[in-house]
Amino acid sequence: MRYFFSTGEPSGELLAVALAGEIRALDPEATFEGIGSTRMREAGFALWRDNQGWASIGPIAAVPRIPKLLHAMYRTVAHLAKRPPDLVVLVDFGAFNLRLAKTLRARGYAGPILDALPPSAWTDSEKAARAVAAVAVPLTAFRRQHAFYRRLGLPVAYFGHPLAPGYTARARRPAPPPDGGTVALLPGSRAGEITRLLPRLLEAYRLLRAARPALRAVAAAADDASERTIRAVARRAGMPELPVVRGFAAATADADAAWIASGTAVLEAVLSGVPTIALYAIAPLLLPLAKRLMRSPWITLPNLVLDEAVIPELLQDAATPAMLADAMDRTLRDPSYQYAAFERLRAELGPDDALRSWARFAVSLARAGKA
């Protein structure tokens, strides 16, 4: 059978590749096409469109991209109408993917559409939930969103978080020497995130190194573009020697703790057993909108899932170099308060066969549509 995946950024690609791998185990002759980038290409997808540069921080930053995204969306609708796959899988990237699904239905597309990780998981948006359920089959990774859809009487599937079983928590590490340690810097994958957050992290590292002269740092780049941006920011900050490696695993392999831009990487860190300080900052113009949307005092997935401040979150004006350095120093001195919560989080994210259950569900939808 033929599967078409639509993603808009690296975190969506990560899930798409994992899910496709499990589908192949159930359906060895399956073929995969989609909107993605390097990860999906390397995993054997036939790329219909490359999504590099599609993601943005907030609606204002998205405005210049709208014509390009609309063009890609309408071309994709025409492509799928001409040669319908057995299943369309939408992965995150809510605004684009929801419009894609709505337009497909409006043009008469009757095949199954699976919305993996539907939007508004933590904002309880009835409007968004009803919009998704009207055009696709929602499949959520979170008990909370599953319960919300059910309260509204909407169809929804839930089997746990599909990526959680793919991470093995490393053995707990003792605190590093008081004058040293290794910290990972993960400032995000988008150029806007890197240029907004990395200068703060580099200055925090500089401050912390004054107290810990043997401290080392390594930065993570998601792709070639983000690596170029990281190296440029590091040069401007007077740190051209900053080591830059590719991906989360390489950056955290020898790290005692990490500064991480809020997003999927925070969840990856917790599941991998890496103590973390989360940070984020958006343009001041976007703050009123963000405050209206928030239904929780936290924004990182571990804190949202456990409904408590397991991971320190330094946001907006609180994400100063001094406060980032202080939070990291306290975490390096005593990471035990985070380690204690890691196992609880994994249990809360559902069973170890979640990804296989997601794949079975996707294959069943594809087969039902083919019948």
Protein backbone atom coordinates (compact mmCIF):
# COMPACT_ATOMS: atom_id res chain seq x y z
CA MET A 1 0.00 0.00 0.00
CA ARG A 2 0.98 3.62 -0.53
CA TYR A 3 1.30 6.10 2.32
CA PHE A 4 1.65 9.88 2.02
CA PHE A 5 3.07 11.75 5.05
CA SER A 6 2.87 15.53 5.43
CA THR A 7 5.30 17.14 7.90
CA GLY A 8 6.47 20.71 8.38
CA GLU A 9 9.52 20.58 10.66
CA PRO A 10 12.17 18.19 12.07
CA SER A 11 10.09 16.96 15.02
CA GLY A 12 7.33 15.85 12.66
CA GLU A 13 9.85 14.13 10.44
CA LEU A 14 11.17 12.23 13.44
CA LEU A 15 7.74 10.72 14.08
CA ALA A 16 7.06 10.12 10.39
CA VAL A 17 10.25 8.10 9.98
CA ALA A 18 9.62 6.08 13.15
CA LEU A 19 6.03 5.32 12.19
CA ALA A 20 6.97 4.38 8.63
CA GLY A 21 9.56 1.95 9.98
CA GLU A 22 6.92 0.15 12.04
CA ILE A 23 4.47 0.15 9.13
CA ARG A 24 7.11 -1.53 6.98
CA ALA A 25 7.38 -4.30 9.58
CA LEU A 26 3.64 -4.95 9.17
CA ASP A 27 3.41 -4.20 5.46
CA PRO A 28 6.80 -5.03 3.86
CA GLU A 29 5.70 -3.87 0.41
CA ALA A 30 4.55 -0.46 1.63
CA THR A 31 5.83 2.60 -0.23
CA PHE A 32 6.16 6.06 1.28
CA GLU A 33 5.94 9.52 -0.23
CA GLY A 34 5.54 12.87 1.40
CA ILE A 35 6.48 16.36 2.42
CA GLY A 36 9.61 16.29 4.54
CA SER A 37 13.35 16.79 4.37
CA THR A 38 16.61 15.01 5.03
CA ARG A 39 15.42 12.45 7.57
CA MET A 40 12.55 11.25 5.40
CA ARG A 41 14.69 11.18 2.28
CA GLU A 42 17.31 9.08 4.04
CA ALA A 43 14.57 6.74 5.33
CA GLY A 44 13.46 5.91 1.80
CA PHE A 45 10.59 8.35 1.31
CA ALA A 46 10.02 9.76 -2.15
CA LEU A 47 9.96 13.46 -1.31
CA TRP A 48 7.13 15.32 -3.00
CA ARG A 49 8.15 18.63 -1.39
CA ASP A 50 11.09 19.62 0.82
CA ASN A 51 9.83 21.47 3.92
CA GLN A 52 13.14 23.08 4.87
CA GLY A 53 12.47 26.67 5.92
CA TRP A 54 8.70 26.18 6.28
CA ALA A 55 8.50 26.40 10.07
CA SER A 56 8.27 29.78 11.77
CA ILE A 57 7.94 31.19 15.26
CA GLY A 58 4.44 32.58 15.62
CA PRO A 59 1.86 33.90 13.16
CA ILE A 60 3.66 37.15 12.37
CA ALA A 61 6.82 35.35 11.25
CA ALA A 62 4.64 32.98 9.21
CA VAL A 63 3.08 35.75 7.08
CA PRO A 64 5.90 35.96 4.49
CA ARG A 65 5.75 32.18 4.06
CA ILE A 66 1.99 32.01 3.41
CA PRO A 67 2.11 32.34 -0.43
CA LYS A 68 4.76 29.62 -0.67
CA LEU A 69 2.87 27.31 1.69
CA LEU A 70 -0.46 27.87 -0.06
CA HIS A 71 1.15 27.09 -3.40
CA ALA A 72 2.65 23.88 -1.98
CA MET A 73 -0.66 22.94 -0.38
CA TYR A 74 -2.70 23.35 -3.60
CA ARG A 75 -0.08 21.51 -5.64
CA THR A 76 -0.20 18.69 -3.08
CA VAL A 77 -4.00 18.51 -3.27
CA ALA A 78 -3.83 18.24 -7.06
CA HIS A 79 -1.09 15.60 -6.81
CA LEU A 80 -3.03 13.45 -4.34
CA ALA A 81 -6.26 13.78 -6.32
CA LYS A 82 -4.47 12.56 -9.43
CA ARG A 83 -2.88 9.56 -7.72
CA PRO A 84 -4.61 8.91 -4.38
CA PRO A 85 -2.55 7.07 -1.75
CA ASP A 86 -4.10 4.44 0.49
CA LEU A 87 -3.56 6.68 3.53
CA VAL A 88 -2.67 10.33 4.07
CA VAL A 89 -0.89 10.90 7.39
CA LEU A 90 -0.70 14.44 8.75
CA VAL A 91 2.04 14.88 11.36
CA ASP A 92 1.84 18.00 13.56
CA PHE A 93 2.27 21.34 11.64
CA GLY A 94 -1.37 22.02 12.42
CA ALA A 95 -2.30 25.11 10.36
CA PHE A 96 -0.90 23.76 7.08
CA ASN A 97 -2.00 20.18 7.57
CA LEU A 98 -5.53 21.03 8.69
CA ARG A 99 -5.98 23.29 5.65
CA LEU A 100 -4.58 20.51 3.46
CA ALA A 101 -7.13 18.05 4.84
CA LYS A 102 -10.02 20.51 4.48
CA THR A 103 -9.07 21.29 0.89
CA LEU A 104 -8.72 17.61 0.03
CA ARG A 105 -12.23 16.96 1.33
CA ALA A 106 -13.63 20.01 -0.44
CA ARG A 107 -12.17 18.72 -3.72
CA GLY A 108 -13.91 15.37 -3.23
CA TYR A 109 -11.08 13.29 -1.79
CA ALA A 110 -12.76 10.38 0.02
CA GLY A 111 -9.72 8.37 1.14
CA PRO A 112 -8.68 7.98 4.79
CA ILE A 113 -6.75 10.82 6.43
CA LEU A 114 -4.99 10.23 9.75
CA ASP A 115 -4.12 13.31 11.83
CA ALA A 116 -1.24 12.20 14.05
CA LEU A 117 -0.62 14.68 16.87
CA PRO A 118 -3.62 16.92 16.13
CA PRO A 119 -3.31 20.59 17.14
CA SER A 120 -4.27 22.18 20.47
CA ALA A 121 -3.19 19.28 22.67
CA TRP A 122 -2.85 21.61 25.67
CA THR A 123 -5.18 24.51 24.89
CA ASP A 124 -8.52 22.62 24.92
CA SER A 125 -9.75 24.26 21.73
CA GLU A 126 -13.18 22.86 20.90
CA LYS A 127 -13.09 24.65 17.54
CA ALA A 128 -9.81 23.00 16.55
CA ALA A 129 -10.93 19.57 17.79
CA ARG A 130 -14.17 19.69 15.78
CA ALA A 131 -12.33 20.94 12.70
CA VAL A 132 -9.90 18.00 12.85
CA ALA A 133 -12.57 15.37 13.50
CA ALA A 134 -14.65 16.66 10.56
CA VAL A 135 -11.97 15.84 7.99
CA ALA A 136 -9.62 13.26 9.53
CA VAL A 137 -9.22 10.53 12.12
CA PRO A 138 -7.45 12.11 15.13
CA LEU A 139 -4.68 10.06 16.77
CA THR A 140 -3.24 11.69 19.88
CA ALA A 141 -0.18 10.87 21.93
CA PHE A 142 -1.63 12.29 25.15
CA ARG A 143 -4.28 11.00 27.57
CA ARG A 144 -5.41 14.56 28.25
CA GLN A 145 -6.27 15.30 24.61
CA HIS A 146 -7.92 11.90 24.25
CA ALA A 147 -10.18 12.69 27.21
CA PHE A 148 -10.98 16.15 25.81
CA TYR A 149 -12.11 14.75 22.44
CA ARG A 150 -14.17 12.10 24.20
CA ARG A 151 -15.90 14.71 26.37
CA LEU A 152 -16.91 16.48 23.16
CA GLY A 153 -18.26 13.23 21.72
CA LEU A 154 -15.65 13.23 18.93
CA PRO A 155 -13.83 10.20 17.52
CA VAL A 156 -10.22 9.92 18.61
CA ALA A 157 -7.61 7.16 18.99
CA TYR A 158 -4.99 6.90 21.71
CA PHE A 159 -2.30 4.25 22.34
CA GLY A 160 0.34 6.24 24.21
CA HIS A 161 3.25 8.35 22.98
CA PRO A 162 4.84 6.66 19.94
CA LEU A 163 8.37 7.99 20.46
CA ALA A 164 8.75 7.22 24.16
CA PRO A 165 9.63 3.52 23.70
CA GLY A 166 12.45 4.47 21.34
CA TYR A 167 14.53 6.08 24.08
CA THR A 168 16.52 4.27 26.74
CA ALA A 169 17.31 6.29 29.83
CA ARG A 170 21.01 6.22 30.57
CA ALA A 171 22.28 5.37 34.03
CA ARG A 172 22.04 8.20 36.52
CA ARG A 173 25.23 10.24 36.64
CA PRO A 174 26.75 11.67 39.79
CA ALA A 175 27.18 15.42 39.94
CA PRO A 176 30.28 16.54 38.01
CA PRO A 177 33.24 18.16 39.83
CA PRO A 178 32.35 21.62 41.16
CA ASP A 179 34.80 23.27 38.77
CA GLY A 180 33.73 21.37 35.63
CA GLY A 181 31.14 19.35 33.79
CA THR A 182 29.82 19.24 30.22
CA VAL A 183 26.71 21.08 29.06
CA ALA A 184 24.82 20.70 25.80
CA LEU A 185 23.31 23.72 24.04
CA LEU A 186 20.20 22.97 21.96
CA PRO A 187 18.84 26.34 20.77
CA GLY A 188 16.23 24.91 18.40
CA SER A 189 16.19 24.08 14.70
CA ARG A 190 14.72 27.27 13.22
CA ALA A 191 16.94 30.22 12.33
CA GLY A 192 14.74 32.56 14.37
CA GLU A 193 15.06 30.38 17.46
CA ILE A 194 18.82 30.10 17.13
CA THR A 195 19.44 33.82 16.64
CA ARG A 196 17.10 34.69 19.52
CA LEU A 197 18.21 32.04 22.03
CA LEU A 198 21.81 31.05 21.31
CA PRO A 199 23.39 34.41 22.26
CA ARG A 200 21.76 34.10 25.71
CA LEU A 201 23.08 30.54 26.07
CA LEU A 202 26.59 31.47 25.03
CA GLU A 203 26.68 34.32 27.54
CA ALA A 204 25.25 31.99 30.22
CA TYR A 205 28.02 29.52 29.40
CA ARG A 206 30.59 32.29 29.68
CA LEU A 207 29.23 33.29 33.10
CA LEU A 208 29.10 29.71 34.35
CA ARG A 209 32.61 28.99 33.12
CA ALA A 210 33.88 31.82 35.32
CA ALA A 211 32.75 29.76 38.32
CA ARG A 212 33.55 26.40 36.69
CA PRO A 213 36.79 26.96 34.71
CA ALA A 214 36.91 23.34 33.48
CA LEU A 215 33.34 23.48 32.10
CA ARG A 216 32.92 22.34 28.49
CA ALA A 217 30.05 22.96 26.06
CA VAL A 218 28.81 21.44 22.80
CA ALA A 219 26.03 22.76 20.56
CA ALA A 220 23.56 20.68 18.55
CA ALA A 221 22.57 21.50 14.96
CA ALA A 222 19.53 19.88 13.35
CA ASP A 223 20.75 20.27 9.76
CA ASP A 224 23.22 22.12 7.53
CA ALA A 225 21.29 25.39 7.68
CA SER A 226 21.06 25.44 11.46
CA GLU A 227 24.75 24.54 11.75
CA ARG A 228 25.68 27.53 9.62
CA THR A 229 23.51 29.78 11.79
CA ILE A 230 24.98 28.38 15.02
CA ARG A 231 28.56 28.86 13.82
CA ALA A 232 27.80 32.43 12.71
CA VAL A 233 26.24 33.33 16.08
CA ALA A 234 29.15 31.72 17.93
CA ARG A 235 31.67 33.74 15.89
CA ARG A 236 29.83 36.97 16.66
CA ALA A 237 29.86 36.02 20.36
CA GLY A 238 33.63 35.51 20.27
CA MET A 239 33.38 31.70 20.55
CA PRO A 240 34.38 30.42 17.11
CA GLU A 241 35.85 27.32 18.78
CA LEU A 242 32.45 26.13 20.07
CA PRO A 243 32.05 22.45 19.09
CA VAL A 244 28.96 21.89 16.92
CA VAL A 245 27.66 18.36 16.36
CA ARG A 246 24.72 17.02 14.41
CA GLY A 247 21.62 16.06 16.35
CA PHE A 248 20.35 15.54 19.86
CA ALA A 249 22.09 12.24 20.56
CA ALA A 250 25.57 13.48 19.64
CA ALA A 251 25.18 16.65 21.70
CA THR A 252 23.95 14.94 24.86
CA ALA A 253 26.06 11.77 24.73
CA ASP A 254 28.66 13.14 27.16
CA ALA A 255 26.63 15.99 28.68
CA ASP A 256 25.90 16.22 32.38
CA ALA A 257 22.94 18.50 31.61
CA ALA A 258 21.49 20.54 28.75
CA TRP A 259 19.97 23.91 27.97
CA ILE A 260 17.19 23.18 25.48
CA ALA A 261 14.72 25.34 23.56
CA SER A 262 11.22 24.24 24.49
CA GLY A 263 10.02 21.59 22.04
CA THR A 264 10.35 17.91 21.25
CA ALA A 265 14.02 17.91 22.28
CA VAL A 266 13.05 18.55 25.93
CA LEU A 267 10.98 15.36 25.90
CA GLU A 268 13.84 13.50 24.21
CA ALA A 269 16.21 14.65 26.93
CA VAL A 270 13.97 13.55 29.78
CA LEU A 271 13.33 10.16 28.17
CA SER A 272 17.10 9.78 27.67
CA GLY A 273 17.83 10.66 31.31
CA VAL A 274 19.53 14.01 30.64
CA PRO A 275 18.87 16.76 33.25
CA THR A 276 17.51 19.79 31.45
CA ILE A 277 16.91 23.52 31.69
CA ALA A 278 14.27 24.69 29.20
CA LEU A 279 14.10 28.16 27.74
CA TYR A 280 12.13 30.06 25.16
CA ALA A 281 11.47 33.60 24.01
CA ILE A 282 9.19 35.00 21.33
CA ALA A 283 8.77 38.48 19.91
CA PRO A 284 6.99 40.82 22.38
CA LEU A 285 4.23 41.40 19.80
CA LEU A 286 3.26 37.72 20.09
CA LEU A 287 3.01 37.67 23.89
CA PRO A 288 -0.68 38.71 24.19
CA LEU A 289 -1.70 35.94 21.76
CA ALA A 290 0.44 33.36 23.58
CA LYS A 291 -1.08 34.31 26.95
CA ARG A 292 -4.62 33.98 25.57
CA LEU A 293 -3.85 30.49 24.26
CA MET A 294 -2.13 29.14 27.37
CA ARG A 295 -4.19 26.95 29.70
CA SER A 296 -1.27 25.89 31.90
CA PRO A 297 1.55 27.62 33.76
CA TRP A 298 4.04 25.46 31.81
CA ILE A 299 4.94 24.96 28.16
CA THR A 300 7.34 21.98 28.10
CA LEU A 301 5.89 18.51 27.53
CA PRO A 302 7.32 16.87 30.68
CA ASN A 303 5.79 19.57 32.89
CA LEU A 304 2.49 19.53 30.99
CA VAL A 305 2.18 15.75 31.16
CA LEU A 306 3.05 15.52 34.87
CA ASP A 307 1.28 18.80 35.71
CA GLU A 308 4.20 20.00 37.79
CA ALA A 309 7.47 21.89 37.32
CA VAL A 310 9.85 18.98 36.80
CA ILE A 311 11.96 20.92 34.29
CA PRO A 312 12.93 24.52 35.11
CA GLU A 313 11.41 26.78 32.44
CA LEU A 314 13.02 30.17 31.81
CA LEU A 315 10.79 32.10 29.44
CA GLN A 316 10.90 35.57 27.92
CA ASP A 317 12.45 38.09 30.36
CA ALA A 318 13.36 35.27 32.76
CA ALA A 319 15.64 33.71 30.12
CA THR A 320 18.58 35.95 30.99
CA PRO A 321 22.16 34.68 30.85
CA ALA A 322 22.50 35.11 34.61
CA MET A 323 19.34 33.15 35.40
CA LEU A 324 20.20 30.47 32.85
CA ALA A 325 23.67 30.09 34.36
CA ASP A 326 22.29 29.93 37.89
CA ALA A 327 19.68 27.29 36.98
CA MET A 328 22.31 25.18 35.24
CA ASP A 329 24.74 25.47 38.15
CA ARG A 330 22.07 24.26 40.57
CA THR A 331 21.18 21.37 38.28
CA LEU A 332 24.82 20.32 37.88
CA ARG A 333 25.29 20.40 41.66
CA ASP A 334 22.21 18.27 42.34
CA PRO A 335 20.40 16.61 39.41
CA SER A 336 18.52 14.20 41.69
CA TYR A 337 15.29 16.20 41.72
CA GLN A 338 14.98 15.69 37.96
CA TYR A 339 16.05 12.06 37.94
CA ALA A 340 13.28 11.24 40.39
CA ALA A 341 10.63 12.42 37.91
CA PHE A 342 11.97 10.75 34.77
CA GLU A 343 10.48 7.32 35.51
CA ARG A 344 7.10 8.81 36.39
CA LEU A 345 7.01 10.63 33.07
CA ARG A 346 7.78 7.51 31.07
CA ALA A 347 4.98 5.63 32.81
CA GLU A 348 2.56 8.48 32.14
CA LEU A 349 3.33 8.43 28.40
CA GLY A 350 1.81 4.98 27.97
CA PRO A 351 2.87 1.43 27.12
CA ASP A 352 6.11 0.32 25.47
CA ASP A 353 4.30 -0.94 22.36
CA ALA A 354 2.74 2.46 21.55
CA LEU A 355 4.58 2.90 18.24
CA ARG A 356 3.60 -0.58 17.06
CA SER A 357 -0.03 0.17 18.00
CA TRP A 358 0.12 3.40 16.00
CA ALA A 359 1.43 1.45 13.00
CA ARG A 360 -1.30 -1.21 13.30
CA PHE A 361 -3.91 1.53 13.42
CA ALA A 362 -2.47 3.28 10.34
CA VAL A 363 -2.32 0.02 8.37
CA SER A 364 -5.92 -0.83 9.35
CA LEU A 365 -7.10 2.57 8.05
CA ALA A 366 -5.18 2.09 4.80
CA ARG A 367 -6.64 -1.38 4.30
CA ALA A 368 -10.16 -0.19 5.10
CA GLY A 369 -9.81 2.59 2.55
CA LYS A 370 -8.51 0.19 -0.07
CA ALA A 371 -11.43 -2.16 0.52
